[in-house]
Amino acid sequence: MARVEGTSALKHDGKYTLADWRSWPIDERWELIDGIAYCMSPAPRVPHQEKAYDLGRKLGNFLEGMPCRPFMAPLDVFLEEDAQGDGGIVVEPDVMVVCEQGKIADDGIHGAPDFVAEVLSDSTANKDFGVKKELYERSGVREYWIIHPDTGDIFQYVRDGALFAPVQEHRRGVPVHSSVFTGFSWACT
């Protein structure tokens, strides 16, 4: 399976299923969204990992003793699964929080996390702002942050009914207050 250069997609013209995804080599990381397979390599760069780790660590400290649990990639999140393996979506958000314990299984998260954060990279920016934003919105994610590791900007999407409200943009160093976790804020430095 050759990746299309210049994007993180496996193929633009192929449609793949969750059953296909499960048959691929275990040492390869792929996201599967609406039948399109997206390669998850190369590994993220240091600024990306620093931002994801800092947010995940601070969320973990804030949520200690609460029923919500933070997780970080690599961890599979299965959305829109079907029993036959004909459909299905699997993604690996950089940082996520799940408040319903029934969604947590040994093989990953089954259902929408309550909170998702993606840290941008050159190969994922279009996917994070487009495909993934729409996916998280329709799947029921309550709050979605997109973090730009170079500029420190954070784009915050908050569920308002069935859709995300218009994006709120926060500049480097300005604390972003979570709408899902009252009292939690984080600033990208």
N, C-alpha and C. Protein backbone atom coordinates (compact mmCIF):
# COMPACT_ATOMS: atom_id res chain seq x y z
N MET A 1 0.84 -1.17 0.00
CA MET A 1 0.00 0.00 0.00
C MET A 1 0.89 1.23 0.00
N ALA A 2 0.89 1.96 -1.06
CA ALA A 2 1.73 3.14 -1.16
C ALA A 2 0.93 4.38 -0.81
N ARG A 3 1.57 5.25 -0.10
CA ARG A 3 0.96 6.50 0.31
C ARG A 3 1.05 7.50 -0.83
N VAL A 4 0.05 8.36 -0.97
CA VAL A 4 0.08 9.43 -1.95
C VAL A 4 0.99 10.52 -1.40
N GLU A 5 2.04 10.89 -2.12
CA GLU A 5 2.98 11.89 -1.64
C GLU A 5 2.32 13.26 -1.54
N GLY A 6 2.73 14.01 -0.53
CA GLY A 6 2.20 15.36 -0.33
C GLY A 6 0.95 15.39 0.52
N THR A 7 0.41 14.24 0.87
CA THR A 7 -0.73 14.17 1.77
C THR A 7 -0.49 13.01 2.71
N SER A 8 -1.36 12.88 3.69
CA SER A 8 -1.24 11.73 4.58
C SER A 8 -2.19 10.63 4.16
N ALA A 9 -2.83 10.76 3.00
CA ALA A 9 -3.81 9.76 2.58
C ALA A 9 -3.15 8.58 1.90
N LEU A 10 -3.71 7.40 2.13
CA LEU A 10 -3.25 6.20 1.45
C LEU A 10 -3.58 6.29 -0.03
N LYS A 11 -4.86 6.47 -0.32
CA LYS A 11 -5.33 6.62 -1.69
C LYS A 11 -6.57 7.50 -1.68
N HIS A 12 -6.70 8.32 -2.70
CA HIS A 12 -7.90 9.15 -2.80
C HIS A 12 -9.05 8.39 -3.45
N ASP A 13 -8.74 7.42 -4.30
CA ASP A 13 -9.78 6.74 -5.05
C ASP A 13 -10.22 5.42 -4.42
N GLY A 14 -9.51 4.94 -3.41
CA GLY A 14 -9.87 3.68 -2.78
C GLY A 14 -10.84 3.89 -1.63
N LYS A 15 -11.70 2.92 -1.42
CA LYS A 15 -12.60 2.93 -0.26
C LYS A 15 -12.27 1.71 0.56
N TYR A 16 -11.99 1.92 1.84
CA TYR A 16 -11.58 0.85 2.71
C TYR A 16 -12.58 0.72 3.86
N THR A 17 -12.61 -0.47 4.45
CA THR A 17 -13.52 -0.75 5.55
C THR A 17 -12.73 -1.00 6.82
N LEU A 18 -13.45 -1.08 7.91
CA LEU A 18 -12.82 -1.41 9.19
C LEU A 18 -12.20 -2.81 9.12
N ALA A 19 -12.84 -3.71 8.40
CA ALA A 19 -12.28 -5.05 8.21
C ALA A 19 -10.95 -4.97 7.47
N ASP A 20 -10.86 -4.12 6.43
CA ASP A 20 -9.58 -3.92 5.74
C ASP A 20 -8.53 -3.39 6.72
N TRP A 21 -8.93 -2.35 7.47
CA TRP A 21 -8.02 -1.70 8.41
C TRP A 21 -7.46 -2.72 9.40
N ARG A 22 -8.30 -3.61 9.89
CA ARG A 22 -7.86 -4.62 10.87
C ARG A 22 -6.90 -5.63 10.25
N SER A 23 -6.86 -5.74 8.94
CA SER A 23 -5.97 -6.71 8.28
C SER A 23 -4.60 -6.13 7.96
N TRP A 24 -4.42 -4.83 8.12
CA TRP A 24 -3.14 -4.20 7.78
C TRP A 24 -2.10 -4.51 8.85
N PRO A 25 -0.81 -4.42 8.51
CA PRO A 25 0.26 -4.75 9.47
C PRO A 25 0.12 -3.95 10.76
N ILE A 26 0.30 -4.62 11.88
CA ILE A 26 0.11 -4.01 13.19
C ILE A 26 1.13 -2.91 13.48
N ASP A 27 2.29 -2.96 12.81
CA ASP A 27 3.32 -1.95 13.05
C ASP A 27 3.13 -0.68 12.22
N GLU A 28 2.06 -0.64 11.42
CA GLU A 28 1.73 0.57 10.66
C GLU A 28 0.53 1.24 11.31
N ARG A 29 0.57 2.57 11.37
CA ARG A 29 -0.52 3.33 11.98
C ARG A 29 -1.31 4.05 10.89
N TRP A 30 -2.62 3.77 10.86
CA TRP A 30 -3.51 4.37 9.87
C TRP A 30 -4.77 4.88 10.55
N GLU A 31 -5.29 6.00 10.08
CA GLU A 31 -6.62 6.44 10.45
C GLU A 31 -7.52 6.10 9.27
N LEU A 32 -8.76 5.75 9.55
CA LEU A 32 -9.73 5.42 8.52
C LEU A 32 -10.94 6.31 8.71
N ILE A 33 -11.17 7.21 7.74
CA ILE A 33 -12.27 8.17 7.84
C ILE A 33 -13.06 8.13 6.55
N ASP A 34 -14.32 7.75 6.67
CA ASP A 34 -15.22 7.69 5.51
C ASP A 34 -14.63 6.91 4.35
N GLY A 35 -13.98 5.78 4.66
CA GLY A 35 -13.44 4.90 3.64
C GLY A 35 -12.06 5.27 3.13
N ILE A 36 -11.50 6.38 3.57
CA ILE A 36 -10.17 6.81 3.13
C ILE A 36 -9.18 6.52 4.25
N ALA A 37 -8.07 5.90 3.89
CA ALA A 37 -7.03 5.56 4.85
C ALA A 37 -5.96 6.65 4.84
N TYR A 38 -5.65 7.15 6.04
CA TYR A 38 -4.64 8.19 6.21
C TYR A 38 -3.46 7.62 6.98
N CYS A 39 -2.28 7.72 6.40
CA CYS A 39 -1.06 7.24 7.04
C CYS A 39 -0.69 8.15 8.20
N MET A 40 -0.31 7.56 9.32
CA MET A 40 0.05 8.32 10.51
C MET A 40 1.57 8.43 10.69
N SER A 41 2.32 8.36 9.61
CA SER A 41 3.76 8.51 9.75
C SER A 41 4.22 9.56 8.75
N PRO A 42 5.32 10.18 8.97
CA PRO A 42 6.29 9.88 10.01
C PRO A 42 5.80 10.32 11.39
N ALA A 43 6.55 9.94 12.40
CA ALA A 43 6.21 10.31 13.78
C ALA A 43 6.22 11.83 13.93
N PRO A 44 5.43 12.35 14.87
CA PRO A 44 5.39 13.80 15.08
C PRO A 44 6.74 14.35 15.53
N ARG A 45 6.95 15.63 15.28
CA ARG A 45 8.18 16.32 15.66
C ARG A 45 8.11 16.74 17.14
N VAL A 46 9.24 17.16 17.68
CA VAL A 46 9.35 17.50 19.09
C VAL A 46 8.37 18.59 19.52
N PRO A 47 8.24 19.74 18.80
CA PRO A 47 7.29 20.75 19.26
C PRO A 47 5.85 20.22 19.35
N HIS A 48 5.48 19.36 18.42
CA HIS A 48 4.16 18.72 18.44
C HIS A 48 3.99 17.91 19.72
N GLN A 49 4.97 17.07 20.02
CA GLN A 49 4.89 16.21 21.19
C GLN A 49 4.93 17.00 22.49
N GLU A 50 5.71 18.08 22.52
CA GLU A 50 5.75 18.91 23.72
C GLU A 50 4.38 19.50 24.05
N LYS A 51 3.70 20.01 23.02
CA LYS A 51 2.38 20.61 23.24
C LYS A 51 1.36 19.56 23.67
N ALA A 52 1.35 18.42 22.98
CA ALA A 52 0.41 17.36 23.32
C ALA A 52 0.65 16.85 24.74
N TYR A 53 1.91 16.62 25.09
CA TYR A 53 2.23 16.12 26.42
C TYR A 53 1.83 17.12 27.50
N ASP A 54 2.14 18.39 27.29
CA ASP A 54 1.82 19.40 28.29
C ASP A 54 0.31 19.48 28.53
N LEU A 55 -0.47 19.52 27.45
CA LEU A 55 -1.92 19.56 27.60
C LEU A 55 -2.42 18.28 28.27
N GLY A 56 -1.96 17.12 27.83
CA GLY A 56 -2.41 15.86 28.41
C GLY A 56 -2.07 15.74 29.88
N ARG A 57 -0.86 16.17 30.25
CA ARG A 57 -0.43 16.12 31.65
C ARG A 57 -1.29 17.03 32.53
N LYS A 58 -1.54 18.24 32.05
CA LYS A 58 -2.33 19.19 32.84
C LYS A 58 -3.80 18.75 32.93
N LEU A 59 -4.33 18.18 31.86
CA LEU A 59 -5.69 17.61 31.93
C LEU A 59 -5.72 16.47 32.94
N GLY A 60 -4.71 15.60 32.91
CA GLY A 60 -4.64 14.48 33.85
C GLY A 60 -4.61 14.94 35.28
N ASN A 61 -3.80 15.97 35.57
CA ASN A 61 -3.74 16.51 36.93
C ASN A 61 -5.09 17.10 37.34
N PHE A 62 -5.72 17.85 36.44
CA PHE A 62 -7.01 18.48 36.74
C PHE A 62 -8.09 17.44 36.99
N LEU A 63 -8.09 16.37 36.22
CA LEU A 63 -9.17 15.37 36.29
C LEU A 63 -8.94 14.29 37.34
N GLU A 64 -7.81 14.34 38.03
CA GLU A 64 -7.53 13.31 39.03
C GLU A 64 -8.67 13.22 40.04
N GLY A 65 -9.13 12.00 40.27
CA GLY A 65 -10.23 11.76 41.21
C GLY A 65 -11.61 11.94 40.61
N MET A 66 -11.68 12.36 39.34
CA MET A 66 -12.96 12.53 38.66
C MET A 66 -13.20 11.33 37.75
N PRO A 67 -14.43 11.12 37.30
CA PRO A 67 -14.71 9.96 36.44
C PRO A 67 -14.17 10.09 35.02
N CYS A 68 -13.87 11.27 34.56
CA CYS A 68 -13.36 11.47 33.20
C CYS A 68 -11.88 11.08 33.16
N ARG A 69 -11.47 10.42 32.05
CA ARG A 69 -10.10 9.95 31.93
C ARG A 69 -9.43 10.50 30.68
N PRO A 70 -8.24 11.08 30.82
CA PRO A 70 -7.50 11.58 29.66
C PRO A 70 -6.68 10.46 29.03
N PHE A 71 -6.49 10.55 27.71
CA PHE A 71 -5.68 9.61 26.95
C PHE A 71 -4.90 10.39 25.90
N MET A 72 -3.81 9.78 25.43
CA MET A 72 -3.00 10.38 24.38
C MET A 72 -2.70 9.35 23.30
N ALA A 73 -2.42 9.84 22.10
CA ALA A 73 -2.03 8.98 21.00
C ALA A 73 -0.69 8.34 21.32
N PRO A 74 -0.44 7.16 20.81
CA PRO A 74 -1.32 6.42 19.91
C PRO A 74 -2.36 5.60 20.68
N LEU A 75 -3.62 5.82 20.39
CA LEU A 75 -4.73 5.05 20.93
C LEU A 75 -5.87 5.16 19.93
N ASP A 76 -6.41 4.03 19.52
CA ASP A 76 -7.46 4.02 18.52
C ASP A 76 -8.79 4.45 19.11
N VAL A 77 -9.50 5.30 18.37
CA VAL A 77 -10.86 5.72 18.71
C VAL A 77 -11.75 5.25 17.57
N PHE A 78 -12.68 4.35 17.89
CA PHE A 78 -13.57 3.77 16.89
C PHE A 78 -14.88 4.54 16.89
N LEU A 79 -15.22 5.11 15.74
CA LEU A 79 -16.46 5.86 15.58
C LEU A 79 -17.27 5.22 14.46
N GLU A 80 -18.57 5.27 14.58
CA GLU A 80 -19.48 4.80 13.53
C GLU A 80 -19.15 3.37 13.08
N GLU A 81 -18.95 2.48 14.04
CA GLU A 81 -18.66 1.08 13.74
C GLU A 81 -19.92 0.37 13.28
N ASP A 82 -19.73 -0.67 12.49
CA ASP A 82 -20.84 -1.57 12.21
C ASP A 82 -20.37 -3.01 12.41
N ALA A 83 -21.30 -3.88 12.71
CA ALA A 83 -20.97 -5.26 13.08
C ALA A 83 -20.35 -6.04 11.94
N GLN A 84 -20.66 -5.71 10.70
CA GLN A 84 -20.16 -6.46 9.56
C GLN A 84 -18.75 -6.06 9.16
N GLY A 85 -18.25 -4.95 9.66
CA GLY A 85 -16.92 -4.49 9.28
C GLY A 85 -16.90 -3.80 7.93
N ASP A 86 -18.10 -3.49 7.39
CA ASP A 86 -18.17 -2.84 6.08
C ASP A 86 -17.91 -1.34 6.16
N GLY A 87 -18.16 -0.76 7.31
CA GLY A 87 -17.95 0.67 7.47
C GLY A 87 -17.04 0.88 8.65
N GLY A 88 -17.17 2.00 9.24
CA GLY A 88 -16.38 2.26 10.42
C GLY A 88 -15.35 3.34 10.21
N ILE A 89 -15.05 3.97 11.31
CA ILE A 89 -14.08 5.05 11.32
C ILE A 89 -13.18 4.81 12.52
N VAL A 90 -11.89 4.96 12.32
CA VAL A 90 -10.95 4.86 13.42
C VAL A 90 -9.94 6.00 13.28
N VAL A 91 -9.76 6.75 14.37
CA VAL A 91 -8.84 7.89 14.39
C VAL A 91 -7.95 7.79 15.62
N GLU A 92 -6.89 8.59 15.63
CA GLU A 92 -5.96 8.66 16.76
C GLU A 92 -5.77 10.12 17.15
N PRO A 93 -6.69 10.68 17.93
CA PRO A 93 -6.49 12.06 18.37
C PRO A 93 -5.22 12.17 19.22
N ASP A 94 -4.59 13.34 19.18
CA ASP A 94 -3.38 13.54 19.96
C ASP A 94 -3.67 13.49 21.46
N VAL A 95 -4.74 14.17 21.88
CA VAL A 95 -5.16 14.19 23.29
C VAL A 95 -6.67 14.06 23.30
N MET A 96 -7.20 13.30 24.25
CA MET A 96 -8.65 13.16 24.36
C MET A 96 -9.03 12.89 25.81
N VAL A 97 -10.30 13.15 26.11
CA VAL A 97 -10.84 12.82 27.43
C VAL A 97 -12.16 12.11 27.20
N VAL A 98 -12.34 11.00 27.93
CA VAL A 98 -13.56 10.20 27.85
C VAL A 98 -14.19 10.17 29.23
N CYS A 99 -15.47 10.53 29.30
CA CYS A 99 -16.16 10.57 30.59
C CYS A 99 -17.09 9.37 30.79
N GLU A 100 -17.45 8.66 29.74
CA GLU A 100 -18.29 7.47 29.86
C GLU A 100 -17.41 6.23 29.89
N GLN A 101 -17.32 5.59 31.03
CA GLN A 101 -16.42 4.45 31.19
C GLN A 101 -16.75 3.31 30.24
N GLY A 102 -18.01 3.17 29.83
CA GLY A 102 -18.41 2.12 28.92
C GLY A 102 -17.79 2.24 27.53
N LYS A 103 -17.24 3.39 27.19
CA LYS A 103 -16.59 3.58 25.90
C LYS A 103 -15.15 3.09 25.89
N ILE A 104 -14.61 2.83 27.07
CA ILE A 104 -13.20 2.46 27.20
C ILE A 104 -13.06 0.94 27.18
N ALA A 105 -12.29 0.42 26.22
CA ALA A 105 -12.04 -1.02 26.11
C ALA A 105 -10.54 -1.25 25.93
N ASP A 106 -10.12 -2.48 26.03
CA ASP A 106 -8.70 -2.80 25.89
C ASP A 106 -8.13 -2.37 24.54
N ASP A 107 -8.93 -2.47 23.48
CA ASP A 107 -8.42 -2.15 22.15
C ASP A 107 -8.58 -0.69 21.77
N GLY A 108 -9.14 0.14 22.65
CA GLY A 108 -9.27 1.57 22.36
C GLY A 108 -10.56 2.14 22.91
N ILE A 109 -10.95 3.25 22.35
CA ILE A 109 -12.16 3.97 22.75
C ILE A 109 -13.22 3.68 21.69
N HIS A 110 -14.41 3.31 22.14
CA HIS A 110 -15.52 3.00 21.22
C HIS A 110 -16.62 4.04 21.43
N GLY A 111 -16.61 5.05 20.59
CA GLY A 111 -17.55 6.15 20.69
C GLY A 111 -16.78 7.46 20.81
N ALA A 112 -17.52 8.55 20.73
CA ALA A 112 -16.89 9.87 20.71
C ALA A 112 -16.36 10.26 22.08
N PRO A 113 -15.10 10.70 22.15
CA PRO A 113 -14.60 11.31 23.38
C PRO A 113 -15.37 12.60 23.66
N ASP A 114 -15.34 13.05 24.89
CA ASP A 114 -15.99 14.31 25.25
C ASP A 114 -15.14 15.50 24.79
N PHE A 115 -13.84 15.34 24.84
CA PHE A 115 -12.89 16.40 24.50
C PHE A 115 -11.81 15.81 23.60
N VAL A 116 -11.46 16.53 22.54
CA VAL A 116 -10.38 16.11 21.64
C VAL A 116 -9.51 17.32 21.34
N ALA A 117 -8.20 17.09 21.32
CA ALA A 117 -7.26 18.12 20.87
C ALA A 117 -6.34 17.48 19.84
N GLU A 118 -6.15 18.19 18.74
CA GLU A 118 -5.20 17.78 17.71
C GLU A 118 -4.12 18.86 17.61
N VAL A 119 -2.86 18.44 17.55
CA VAL A 119 -1.75 19.37 17.35
C VAL A 119 -1.40 19.29 15.87
N LEU A 120 -1.40 20.44 15.22
CA LEU A 120 -1.17 20.49 13.77
C LEU A 120 0.24 20.06 13.40
N SER A 121 0.33 19.47 12.22
CA SER A 121 1.61 19.25 11.56
C SER A 121 1.37 19.61 10.10
N ASP A 122 2.44 19.76 9.34
CA ASP A 122 2.29 20.13 7.93
C ASP A 122 1.40 19.15 7.17
N SER A 123 1.52 17.87 7.50
CA SER A 123 0.78 16.86 6.74
C SER A 123 -0.66 16.66 7.21
N THR A 124 -1.03 17.24 8.38
CA THR A 124 -2.38 16.99 8.90
C THR A 124 -3.26 18.22 9.00
N ALA A 125 -2.75 19.41 8.71
CA ALA A 125 -3.52 20.64 8.93
C ALA A 125 -4.86 20.63 8.19
N ASN A 126 -4.84 20.30 6.91
CA ASN A 126 -6.11 20.30 6.16
C ASN A 126 -7.09 19.28 6.72
N LYS A 127 -6.58 18.12 7.09
CA LYS A 127 -7.44 17.07 7.65
C LYS A 127 -8.00 17.51 9.01
N ASP A 128 -7.17 18.11 9.86
CA ASP A 128 -7.63 18.51 11.20
C ASP A 128 -8.69 19.61 11.14
N PHE A 129 -8.52 20.58 10.24
CA PHE A 129 -9.49 21.68 10.13
C PHE A 129 -10.73 21.30 9.31
N GLY A 130 -10.62 20.31 8.46
CA GLY A 130 -11.73 19.95 7.58
C GLY A 130 -12.37 18.63 7.96
N VAL A 131 -11.76 17.54 7.50
CA VAL A 131 -12.34 16.20 7.66
C VAL A 131 -12.56 15.86 9.13
N LYS A 132 -11.55 16.08 9.97
CA LYS A 132 -11.69 15.71 11.38
C LYS A 132 -12.65 16.62 12.12
N LYS A 133 -12.64 17.90 11.81
CA LYS A 133 -13.60 18.80 12.47
C LYS A 133 -15.03 18.33 12.18
N GLU A 134 -15.31 18.04 10.93
CA GLU A 134 -16.66 17.57 10.56
C GLU A 134 -16.96 16.23 11.21
N LEU A 135 -15.98 15.34 11.25
CA LEU A 135 -16.17 14.03 11.87
C LEU A 135 -16.46 14.18 13.36
N TYR A 136 -15.66 14.95 14.06
CA TYR A 136 -15.87 15.12 15.51
C TYR A 136 -17.21 15.80 15.79
N GLU A 137 -17.59 16.71 14.94
CA GLU A 137 -18.87 17.39 15.11
C GLU A 137 -20.03 16.40 14.97
N ARG A 138 -20.02 15.61 13.90
CA ARG A 138 -21.14 14.68 13.68
C ARG A 138 -21.13 13.51 14.64
N SER A 139 -19.96 13.20 15.23
CA SER A 139 -19.85 12.07 16.15
C SER A 139 -20.24 12.41 17.58
N GLY A 140 -20.35 13.71 17.89
CA GLY A 140 -20.79 14.10 19.22
C GLY A 140 -19.71 14.56 20.17
N VAL A 141 -18.49 14.82 19.66
CA VAL A 141 -17.45 15.40 20.52
C VAL A 141 -17.96 16.73 21.03
N ARG A 142 -17.81 16.97 22.32
CA ARG A 142 -18.37 18.18 22.93
C ARG A 142 -17.45 19.40 22.78
N GLU A 143 -16.14 19.17 22.71
CA GLU A 143 -15.19 20.27 22.57
C GLU A 143 -13.98 19.77 21.80
N TYR A 144 -13.54 20.58 20.83
CA TYR A 144 -12.43 20.21 19.95
C TYR A 144 -11.47 21.39 19.86
N TRP A 145 -10.20 21.14 20.20
CA TRP A 145 -9.16 22.15 20.09
C TRP A 145 -8.18 21.73 19.00
N ILE A 146 -7.77 22.70 18.20
CA ILE A 146 -6.68 22.52 17.24
C ILE A 146 -5.56 23.45 17.68
N ILE A 147 -4.39 22.88 17.91
CA ILE A 147 -3.26 23.63 18.45
C ILE A 147 -2.18 23.75 17.38
N HIS A 148 -1.76 24.99 17.12
CA HIS A 148 -0.67 25.21 16.17
C HIS A 148 0.63 25.26 16.97
N PRO A 149 1.52 24.27 16.82
CA PRO A 149 2.71 24.20 17.67
C PRO A 149 3.72 25.32 17.43
N ASP A 150 3.72 25.92 16.24
CA ASP A 150 4.69 26.96 15.95
C ASP A 150 4.23 28.34 16.40
N THR A 151 2.96 28.67 16.14
CA THR A 151 2.46 30.01 16.50
C THR A 151 1.89 30.05 17.90
N GLY A 152 1.51 28.89 18.45
CA GLY A 152 0.88 28.84 19.77
C GLY A 152 -0.60 29.14 19.74
N ASP A 153 -1.17 29.35 18.55
CA ASP A 153 -2.61 29.61 18.43
C ASP A 153 -3.40 28.35 18.76
N ILE A 154 -4.55 28.55 19.38
CA ILE A 154 -5.48 27.45 19.66
C ILE A 154 -6.83 27.82 19.07
N PHE A 155 -7.39 26.92 18.30
CA PHE A 155 -8.71 27.10 17.70
C PHE A 155 -9.65 26.20 18.48
N GLN A 156 -10.63 26.81 19.13
CA GLN A 156 -11.53 26.09 20.03
C GLN A 156 -12.93 26.00 19.42
N TYR A 157 -13.39 24.76 19.25
CA TYR A 157 -14.75 24.49 18.77
C TYR A 157 -15.53 23.89 19.93
N VAL A 158 -16.71 24.44 20.21
CA VAL A 158 -17.54 23.98 21.31
C VAL A 158 -18.91 23.63 20.76
N ARG A 159 -19.41 22.48 21.18
CA ARG A 159 -20.72 22.01 20.72
C ARG A 159 -21.81 22.96 21.19
N ASP A 160 -22.68 23.33 20.25
CA ASP A 160 -23.86 24.15 20.52
C ASP A 160 -25.03 23.45 19.85
N GLY A 161 -25.72 22.59 20.58
CA GLY A 161 -26.75 21.76 19.97
C GLY A 161 -26.10 20.64 19.18
N ALA A 162 -26.50 20.46 17.93
CA ALA A 162 -25.96 19.38 17.10
C ALA A 162 -24.65 19.75 16.42
N LEU A 163 -24.29 21.03 16.42
CA LEU A 163 -23.12 21.50 15.69
C LEU A 163 -22.16 22.24 16.61
N PHE A 164 -20.95 22.45 16.11
CA PHE A 164 -20.01 23.31 16.81
C PHE A 164 -20.40 24.76 16.57
N ALA A 165 -20.29 25.57 17.62
CA ALA A 165 -20.47 27.01 17.48
C ALA A 165 -19.30 27.55 16.65
N PRO A 166 -19.39 28.79 16.17
CA PRO A 166 -18.25 29.34 15.43
C PRO A 166 -16.96 29.24 16.24
N VAL A 167 -15.87 29.04 15.54
CA VAL A 167 -14.58 28.84 16.18
C VAL A 167 -14.17 30.08 16.97
N GLN A 168 -13.52 29.82 18.11
CA GLN A 168 -12.89 30.89 18.88
C GLN A 168 -11.39 30.70 18.75
N GLU A 169 -10.70 31.76 18.36
CA GLU A 169 -9.26 31.67 18.17
C GLU A 169 -8.56 32.36 19.33
N HIS A 170 -7.59 31.66 19.91
CA HIS A 170 -6.84 32.17 21.06
C HIS A 170 -5.36 32.24 20.68
N ARG A 171 -4.72 33.35 20.99
CA ARG A 171 -3.31 33.56 20.65
C ARG A 171 -2.38 32.93 21.69
N ARG A 172 -1.13 32.75 21.30
CA ARG A 172 -0.11 32.18 22.19
C ARG A 172 -0.14 32.86 23.56
N GLY A 173 -0.10 32.04 24.60
CA GLY A 173 -0.02 32.54 25.96
C GLY A 173 -1.35 32.93 26.58
N VAL A 174 -2.42 33.00 25.79
CA VAL A 174 -3.74 33.37 26.32
C VAL A 174 -4.44 32.08 26.78
N PRO A 175 -4.82 31.99 28.06
CA PRO A 175 -5.47 30.76 28.53
C PRO A 175 -6.80 30.51 27.82
N VAL A 176 -6.99 29.26 27.43
CA VAL A 176 -8.24 28.83 26.83
C VAL A 176 -9.02 28.11 27.92
N HIS A 177 -10.23 28.55 28.17
CA HIS A 177 -11.07 27.97 29.20
C HIS A 177 -11.96 26.91 28.57
N SER A 178 -11.86 25.70 29.09
CA SER A 178 -12.66 24.60 28.57
C SER A 178 -14.13 24.82 28.90
N SER A 179 -14.99 24.51 27.95
CA SER A 179 -16.43 24.58 28.21
C SER A 179 -16.93 23.26 28.80
N VAL A 180 -16.20 22.18 28.58
CA VAL A 180 -16.60 20.87 29.09
C VAL A 180 -16.14 20.68 30.53
N PHE A 181 -14.96 21.15 30.86
CA PHE A 181 -14.38 20.95 32.19
C PHE A 181 -14.27 22.30 32.90
N THR A 182 -15.32 22.67 33.58
CA THR A 182 -15.37 23.95 34.28
C THR A 182 -14.17 24.08 35.23
N GLY A 183 -13.45 25.16 35.10
CA GLY A 183 -12.30 25.42 35.94
C GLY A 183 -10.98 25.04 35.29
N PHE A 184 -11.02 24.34 34.15
CA PHE A 184 -9.78 23.97 33.47
C PHE A 184 -9.47 24.99 32.39
N SER A 185 -8.23 25.45 32.37
CA SER A 185 -7.76 26.29 31.27
C SER A 185 -6.32 25.91 30.96
N TRP A 186 -5.91 26.22 29.75
CA TRP A 186 -4.55 25.88 29.31
C TRP A 186 -4.12 26.94 28.30
N ALA A 187 -2.87 27.33 28.38
CA ALA A 187 -2.29 28.28 27.44
C ALA A 187 -1.13 27.61 26.73
N CYS A 188 -1.07 27.77 25.43
CA CYS A 188 0.03 27.24 24.63
C CYS A 188 1.16 28.26 24.67
N THR A 189 2.32 27.81 25.11
CA THR A 189 3.46 28.75 25.21
C THR A 189 4.54 28.38 24.23
